[in-house]
Amino acid sequence: MYIGGPSLHTFRQQEDVESRTGSPGEQDHVGDRGAAVARAMTALESDSPTLVPGERLKEAIAAHEQRKRRTRSFLLAPAILVIGLFGLVPLSIIIVYSFLEPGAYGGVEWGFSTQAYVNFLFEEDIFEETLAFNSAYLEIFGRSVGLSLIATVGALLVGFPTAYFIATKPPEQRNLWLFLISLPFWTNLLIRTYAMLLIVRDEGVVNIALMDIGLIDSPLRILYTDFAVCVGLVYSYLPFMVMPLYASLEKLDFRLVEAAYDLYATRLKVLWRVIIPMAKPGIVAGCILVFIPGLGAFITPELLGGGKKLMIGNLIAMQFGSSRNWPFGSAASLILMSIVMIALLVYIRNATQQRKANG
């Protein structure tokens, strides 16, 4: 005699009932809305007792929807105000500045000009008054994209095992590990970058340790190189990679991993075919959160790179500082923002199309 849980017939009966009446959550939502409409109808009856029931119901629903819109607008107003004040207004100023002429001692002069955008790709010969192609700024943009990509990959290689380690810990220990991951954010980025400088310099911790154990005879040249900049970017933005990865891996059903092992899958195949696909949202979010700030980084390449090889952030800061060319700095900022926005829109479009193709 079999004694077990509900039969398949019972589950089908329950699904039929829910399809007719809605799930419990839907029933609660409908009940709340019905109660609100009933209250509105009661108010309308006291105000306009001559309305017929059908008109009274339409008026009650319209009043309820109007109150919902008013409440939603009231709750969204502070966020819209902050975004407009600290986002759209500065962006509008930058857009206007990019089409003005540079002042002699900084600032701008109020005369329309597209010279800032022309100077991004061309330089003017003051004697022949001709334009010649100049790839210097494109090289700076290319170097910034390359270093940011390397830093993103490095953060992923370090952050994925870290997030997996935290996700596999008992629930009562995870908060402690997440606290330790976020602890560096309690310190200013400038101080953290100076700390990294003390570690990778010629007399720093790394070189002293390598010489003490006999692996090298003289200090390695780490500071003021692209390698030092990449290490600094990984160190600065690693928590941005770990947090989204942990959020995805925490939801991973590890029974699927056990099932893959039971089917004689190797560890590499389990990682590639089971874990990584389910952690893909966290991987994408982490890569975006590391790549975009790394692209516009200023302090890290300035200190760890020595200012010898500019990145976009250093170029923009220089235009607003010593070069006193605010329109060109504004144009470079907008070009950077446009590149990032186009890349994100292309990714979103491709991801949406792929989701629709997969059903």
Protein backbone atom coordinates (compact mmCIF):
# COMPACT_ATOMS: atom_id res chain seq x y z
CA MET A 1 0.00 0.00 0.00
CA TYR A 2 1.46 3.38 -1.09
CA ILE A 3 1.26 6.28 1.34
CA GLY A 4 2.66 9.50 -0.07
CA GLY A 5 1.97 13.08 -0.94
CA PRO A 6 -0.85 14.45 -3.09
CA SER A 7 -1.46 12.68 -6.36
CA LEU A 8 -1.02 14.22 -9.80
CA HIS A 9 -4.81 14.37 -10.12
CA THR A 10 -4.97 16.50 -6.94
CA PHE A 11 -2.33 18.94 -8.30
CA ARG A 12 -4.26 19.26 -11.57
CA GLN A 13 -7.47 19.98 -9.69
CA GLN A 14 -5.65 22.69 -7.72
CA GLU A 15 -4.24 24.23 -10.92
CA ASP A 16 -7.75 24.26 -12.45
CA VAL A 17 -9.12 26.06 -9.41
CA GLU A 18 -6.29 28.63 -9.46
CA SER A 19 -6.75 29.19 -13.18
CA ARG A 20 -10.41 30.09 -12.53
CA THR A 21 -10.02 32.05 -9.32
CA GLY A 22 -6.38 33.17 -9.49
CA SER A 23 -3.48 32.39 -7.20
CA PRO A 24 -3.69 33.40 -3.50
CA GLY A 25 -1.50 36.46 -4.18
CA GLU A 26 -3.66 37.52 -7.10
CA GLN A 27 -6.80 36.98 -5.01
CA ASP A 28 -5.39 39.24 -2.28
CA HIS A 29 -4.53 41.93 -4.86
CA VAL A 30 -8.00 41.74 -6.40
CA GLY A 31 -9.53 41.83 -2.92
CA ASP A 32 -7.57 44.97 -1.98
CA ARG A 33 -8.58 46.69 -5.19
CA GLY A 34 -12.19 45.65 -4.72
CA ALA A 35 -12.20 47.05 -1.19
CA ALA A 36 -10.78 50.35 -2.45
CA VAL A 37 -13.38 50.54 -5.22
CA ALA A 38 -16.13 49.71 -2.70
CA ARG A 39 -14.99 52.57 -0.46
CA ALA A 40 -14.96 54.91 -3.45
CA MET A 41 -18.47 53.79 -4.41
CA THR A 42 -19.70 54.46 -0.88
CA ALA A 43 -18.25 57.96 -1.04
CA LEU A 44 -19.87 58.55 -4.43
CA GLU A 45 -23.23 57.33 -3.14
CA SER A 46 -23.15 59.92 -0.39
CA ASP A 47 -22.08 62.68 -2.83
CA SER A 48 -24.23 61.71 -5.86
CA PRO A 49 -27.13 59.42 -4.85
CA THR A 50 -28.82 59.84 -8.26
CA LEU A 51 -26.10 57.94 -10.22
CA VAL A 52 -27.09 54.54 -11.62
CA PRO A 53 -24.99 51.54 -10.41
CA GLY A 54 -23.04 51.16 -13.69
CA GLU A 55 -22.02 54.81 -13.78
CA ARG A 56 -21.28 54.72 -10.08
CA LEU A 57 -18.87 51.79 -10.58
CA LYS A 58 -17.06 53.54 -13.44
CA GLU A 59 -16.72 56.71 -11.37
CA ALA A 60 -15.38 54.72 -8.42
CA ILE A 61 -12.77 52.92 -10.55
CA ALA A 62 -11.69 56.21 -12.16
CA ALA A 63 -11.35 57.87 -8.73
CA HIS A 64 -9.33 54.92 -7.43
CA GLU A 65 -6.95 54.99 -10.43
CA GLN A 66 -6.52 58.76 -10.08
CA ARG A 67 -5.56 58.39 -6.41
CA LYS A 68 -3.05 55.69 -7.35
CA ARG A 69 -1.45 57.94 -9.98
CA ARG A 70 -1.33 60.85 -7.55
CA THR A 71 0.31 58.70 -4.87
CA ARG A 72 2.84 57.29 -7.37
CA SER A 73 3.74 60.78 -8.59
CA PHE A 74 4.16 62.00 -5.01
CA LEU A 75 6.52 59.12 -4.16
CA LEU A 76 8.57 59.54 -7.35
CA ALA A 77 8.90 63.33 -7.01
CA PRO A 78 12.00 63.33 -4.68
CA ALA A 79 13.90 60.89 -6.89
CA ILE A 80 13.04 62.85 -10.04
CA LEU A 81 14.11 66.08 -8.34
CA VAL A 82 17.48 64.63 -7.28
CA ILE A 83 18.14 63.12 -10.73
CA GLY A 84 17.22 66.37 -12.44
CA LEU A 85 19.23 68.58 -10.11
CA PHE A 86 22.41 66.50 -9.83
CA GLY A 87 22.24 64.59 -13.12
CA LEU A 88 20.46 66.39 -15.91
CA VAL A 89 21.46 69.96 -14.99
CA PRO A 90 25.25 69.25 -14.88
CA LEU A 91 24.95 67.18 -18.06
CA SER A 92 23.17 70.05 -19.79
CA ILE A 93 25.94 72.43 -18.73
CA ILE A 94 28.60 70.08 -20.14
CA ILE A 95 26.69 69.80 -23.43
CA VAL A 96 26.47 73.60 -23.73
CA TYR A 97 30.17 74.07 -22.83
CA SER A 98 31.26 71.60 -25.51
CA PHE A 99 29.87 73.92 -28.21
CA LEU A 100 31.49 77.10 -26.90
CA GLU A 101 34.95 78.65 -27.35
CA PRO A 102 37.67 78.27 -24.70
CA GLY A 103 38.51 81.29 -22.60
CA ALA A 104 42.03 82.70 -22.54
CA TYR A 105 42.53 81.89 -18.85
CA GLY A 106 40.04 79.06 -18.43
CA GLY A 107 36.30 79.03 -18.57
CA VAL A 108 34.40 79.59 -21.80
CA GLU A 109 33.52 82.40 -24.15
CA TRP A 110 29.93 82.60 -25.36
CA GLY A 111 30.35 81.92 -29.04
CA PHE A 112 29.11 78.83 -30.85
CA SER A 113 31.91 76.55 -32.03
CA THR A 114 32.42 72.88 -32.91
CA GLN A 115 36.20 73.18 -32.67
CA ALA A 116 36.31 70.98 -29.56
CA TYR A 117 34.96 68.00 -31.49
CA VAL A 118 37.19 68.75 -34.49
CA ASN A 119 40.28 68.82 -32.25
CA PHE A 120 39.48 65.33 -31.02
CA LEU A 121 40.46 63.85 -34.42
CA PHE A 122 42.36 66.64 -36.15
CA GLU A 123 45.00 69.24 -35.38
CA GLU A 124 45.32 72.55 -37.13
CA ASP A 125 48.48 73.73 -38.83
CA ILE A 126 48.75 77.36 -37.76
CA PHE A 127 50.97 78.27 -40.71
CA GLU A 128 49.11 76.57 -43.57
CA GLU A 129 45.71 76.70 -41.85
CA THR A 130 44.97 73.10 -42.76
CA LEU A 131 43.71 70.14 -40.73
CA ALA A 132 45.76 66.98 -40.25
CA PHE A 133 44.58 63.74 -38.68
CA ASN A 134 45.79 63.32 -35.10
CA SER A 135 45.42 59.92 -33.43
CA ALA A 136 46.79 60.95 -30.01
CA TYR A 137 43.40 61.18 -28.33
CA LEU A 138 42.17 57.99 -29.98
CA GLU A 139 45.23 56.22 -28.56
CA ILE A 140 44.37 57.52 -25.10
CA PHE A 141 40.81 56.23 -25.48
CA GLY A 142 42.10 52.89 -26.80
CA ARG A 143 44.55 52.55 -23.91
CA SER A 144 41.79 53.33 -21.42
CA VAL A 145 39.46 50.72 -22.95
CA GLY A 146 42.25 48.13 -23.00
CA LEU A 147 43.30 48.69 -19.38
CA SER A 148 39.67 48.69 -18.24
CA LEU A 149 39.01 45.40 -20.05
CA ILE A 150 42.10 43.81 -18.50
CA ALA A 151 41.07 45.07 -15.06
CA THR A 152 37.54 43.72 -15.59
CA VAL A 153 38.85 40.29 -16.54
CA GLY A 154 41.23 40.32 -13.57
CA ALA A 155 38.42 41.31 -11.19
CA LEU A 156 36.27 38.51 -12.61
CA LEU A 157 39.03 35.92 -12.17
CA VAL A 158 39.50 36.97 -8.55
CA GLY A 159 35.89 37.81 -7.74
CA PHE A 160 34.19 34.67 -9.06
CA PRO A 161 36.03 32.19 -6.76
CA THR A 162 35.58 34.63 -3.88
CA ALA A 163 31.83 34.92 -4.44
CA TYR A 164 31.50 31.14 -4.87
CA PHE A 165 33.43 30.61 -1.62
CA ILE A 166 31.07 32.95 0.25
CA ALA A 167 27.95 31.44 -1.34
CA THR A 168 28.95 27.93 -0.23
CA LYS A 169 29.51 28.97 3.38
CA PRO A 170 26.82 28.41 6.04
CA PRO A 171 24.23 31.24 6.06
CA GLU A 172 25.32 32.49 9.47
CA GLN A 173 28.90 33.07 8.20
CA ARG A 174 28.10 34.81 4.90
CA ASN A 175 27.37 38.23 6.40
CA LEU A 176 30.82 38.28 8.01
CA TRP A 177 32.54 37.54 4.70
CA LEU A 178 30.46 40.16 2.90
CA PHE A 179 31.37 42.64 5.60
CA LEU A 180 35.08 41.93 5.04
CA ILE A 181 34.65 42.36 1.28
CA SER A 182 32.97 45.75 1.70
CA LEU A 183 35.38 46.93 4.42
CA PRO A 184 37.79 48.72 2.01
CA PHE A 185 34.95 51.06 1.01
CA TRP A 186 35.10 52.51 4.50
CA THR A 187 38.38 54.15 3.44
CA ASN A 188 38.76 56.90 0.88
CA LEU A 189 39.86 55.79 -2.60
CA LEU A 190 42.86 58.13 -2.48
CA ILE A 191 44.16 56.52 0.73
CA ARG A 192 43.61 53.01 -0.67
CA THR A 193 45.52 53.92 -3.83
CA TYR A 194 48.40 55.32 -1.77
CA ALA A 195 48.44 52.06 0.18
CA MET A 196 48.74 50.13 -3.08
CA LEU A 197 51.57 52.45 -4.11
CA LEU A 198 53.47 51.54 -0.94
CA ILE A 199 52.98 47.86 -1.72
CA VAL A 200 54.19 47.84 -5.35
CA ARG A 201 56.97 50.44 -5.22
CA ASP A 202 60.65 49.45 -5.52
CA GLU A 203 61.08 49.31 -1.73
CA GLY A 204 57.57 48.02 -1.19
CA VAL A 205 56.21 44.89 0.42
CA VAL A 206 56.21 42.82 -2.78
CA ASN A 207 59.84 43.48 -3.76
CA ILE A 208 61.16 43.12 -0.22
CA ALA A 209 59.37 39.78 0.21
CA LEU A 210 60.65 38.45 -3.13
CA MET A 211 64.23 39.49 -2.32
CA ASP A 212 64.04 38.00 1.19
CA ILE A 213 63.10 34.56 -0.13
CA GLY A 214 65.76 34.78 -2.85
CA LEU A 215 63.56 34.84 -5.96
CA ILE A 216 65.00 38.15 -7.23
CA ASP A 217 68.26 40.02 -6.63
CA SER A 218 67.07 43.52 -7.48
CA PRO A 219 63.65 45.16 -7.16
CA LEU A 220 61.15 44.58 -9.96
CA ARG A 221 59.95 47.63 -11.85
CA ILE A 222 56.23 47.50 -11.00
CA LEU A 223 55.32 51.05 -10.11
CA TYR A 224 54.48 53.49 -12.93
CA THR A 225 53.59 50.73 -15.37
CA ASP A 226 50.37 49.57 -16.98
CA PHE A 227 50.53 46.48 -14.78
CA ALA A 228 50.45 48.64 -11.63
CA VAL A 229 47.46 50.57 -13.01
CA CYS A 230 45.57 47.33 -13.73
CA VAL A 231 46.34 45.96 -10.27
CA GLY A 232 45.13 49.22 -8.73
CA LEU A 233 41.91 49.14 -10.74
CA VAL A 234 41.23 45.54 -9.74
CA TYR A 235 41.87 46.36 -6.10
CA SER A 236 39.67 49.48 -6.23
CA TYR A 237 36.64 47.91 -7.92
CA LEU A 238 36.81 44.26 -6.84
CA PRO A 239 33.83 44.56 -4.43
CA PHE A 240 31.71 45.76 -7.37
CA MET A 241 32.39 42.39 -8.98
CA VAL A 242 31.99 40.21 -5.90
CA MET A 243 28.61 41.55 -4.76
CA PRO A 244 26.59 40.86 -7.97
CA LEU A 245 28.30 37.49 -8.39
CA TYR A 246 27.40 36.52 -4.83
CA ALA A 247 23.79 37.61 -5.40
CA SER A 248 23.57 35.21 -8.37
CA LEU A 249 25.49 32.31 -6.85
CA GLU A 250 23.50 32.50 -3.61
CA LYS A 251 20.37 31.57 -5.59
CA LEU A 252 22.11 28.66 -7.29
CA ASP A 253 20.42 25.31 -6.71
CA PHE A 254 23.42 23.17 -5.74
CA ARG A 255 21.35 20.03 -6.33
CA LEU A 256 22.00 20.68 -10.01
CA VAL A 257 25.74 20.62 -9.32
CA GLU A 258 25.38 17.33 -7.44
CA ALA A 259 23.29 15.90 -10.28
CA ALA A 260 25.98 16.87 -12.78
CA TYR A 261 28.62 15.09 -10.70
CA ASP A 262 26.34 12.04 -10.47
CA LEU A 263 26.25 12.02 -14.27
CA TYR A 264 30.08 11.81 -14.27
CA ALA A 265 30.69 15.39 -15.39
CA THR A 266 34.15 16.74 -14.67
CA ARG A 267 34.65 19.78 -12.44
CA LEU A 268 35.49 21.95 -15.43
CA LYS A 269 32.37 20.82 -17.28
CA VAL A 270 30.19 21.44 -14.20
CA LEU A 271 31.65 24.93 -13.91
CA TRP A 272 31.21 25.70 -17.61
CA ARG A 273 27.83 24.04 -18.23
CA VAL A 274 26.00 24.50 -14.91
CA ILE A 275 27.48 27.17 -12.62
CA ILE A 276 28.55 29.87 -15.09
CA PRO A 277 25.27 29.92 -17.10
CA MET A 278 23.26 30.33 -13.90
CA ALA A 279 25.62 33.05 -12.65
CA LYS A 280 25.52 34.94 -15.97
CA PRO A 281 23.37 37.86 -14.69
CA GLY A 282 25.85 38.47 -11.88
CA ILE A 283 28.81 38.21 -14.27
CA VAL A 284 27.31 40.76 -16.65
CA ALA A 285 26.37 43.16 -13.84
CA GLY A 286 29.80 42.85 -12.21
CA CYS A 287 31.64 43.44 -15.50
CA ILE A 288 29.59 46.56 -16.19
CA LEU A 289 30.13 47.89 -12.66
CA VAL A 290 33.90 47.42 -12.98
CA PHE A 291 34.45 48.39 -16.61
CA ILE A 292 32.59 51.71 -16.63
CA PRO A 293 34.22 53.24 -13.49
CA GLY A 294 37.59 51.86 -14.63
CA LEU A 295 37.17 53.58 -17.99
CA GLY A 296 36.91 56.98 -16.33
CA ALA A 297 39.37 56.34 -13.49
CA PHE A 298 41.57 59.29 -12.54
CA ILE A 299 43.32 58.73 -9.21
CA THR A 300 44.66 55.23 -9.91
CA PRO A 301 46.42 55.98 -13.23
CA GLU A 302 47.65 59.29 -11.84
CA LEU A 303 49.36 57.75 -8.79
CA LEU A 304 50.24 54.23 -9.92
CA GLY A 305 50.90 55.17 -13.54
CA GLY A 306 52.89 58.27 -12.68
CA GLY A 307 50.91 60.38 -15.15
CA LYS A 308 53.18 59.16 -17.97
CA LYS A 309 50.45 57.30 -19.88
CA LEU A 310 47.17 59.14 -19.78
CA MET A 311 43.75 57.59 -19.46
CA ILE A 312 40.51 59.32 -20.35
CA GLY A 313 39.94 60.57 -16.81
CA ASN A 314 43.40 62.16 -16.69
CA LEU A 315 42.85 63.76 -20.11
CA ILE A 316 39.55 65.31 -19.05
CA ALA A 317 40.97 66.54 -15.73
CA MET A 318 43.93 68.08 -17.57
CA GLN A 319 41.63 70.02 -19.92
CA PHE A 320 39.76 71.56 -16.98
CA GLY A 321 43.06 72.18 -15.14
CA SER A 322 46.40 73.09 -16.64
CA SER A 323 45.26 73.14 -20.30
CA ARG A 324 42.33 75.49 -19.52
CA ASN A 325 40.29 74.13 -22.40
CA TRP A 326 36.88 73.54 -20.89
CA PRO A 327 35.05 72.98 -24.21
CA PHE A 328 37.44 70.17 -25.22
CA GLY A 329 37.18 68.60 -21.74
CA SER A 330 33.39 68.72 -22.04
CA ALA A 331 33.50 67.22 -25.55
CA ALA A 332 35.80 64.40 -24.39
CA SER A 333 33.42 63.66 -21.50
CA LEU A 334 30.43 63.48 -23.86
CA ILE A 335 32.30 61.27 -26.32
CA LEU A 336 33.18 58.88 -23.51
CA MET A 337 29.60 58.85 -22.24
CA SER A 338 28.27 58.27 -25.76
CA ILE A 339 30.58 55.30 -26.33
CA VAL A 340 29.50 53.71 -23.05
CA MET A 341 25.80 54.34 -23.71
CA ILE A 342 25.97 52.90 -27.24
CA ALA A 343 27.77 49.79 -25.97
CA LEU A 344 25.16 49.27 -23.24
CA LEU A 345 22.26 49.77 -25.66
CA VAL A 346 23.76 47.26 -28.11
CA TYR A 347 24.17 44.73 -25.32
CA ILE A 348 20.61 45.27 -24.04
CA ARG A 349 19.21 44.90 -27.56
CA ASN A 350 21.15 41.68 -28.23
CA ALA A 351 20.20 40.25 -24.83
CA THR A 352 16.54 41.05 -25.45
CA GLN A 353 16.60 39.44 -28.89
CA GLN A 354 18.32 36.35 -27.49
CA ARG A 355 15.76 36.11 -24.69
CA LYS A 356 12.91 36.30 -27.19
CA ALA A 357 14.57 33.68 -29.41
CA ASN A 358 14.92 31.30 -26.46
CA GLY A 359 11.28 31.80 -25.56
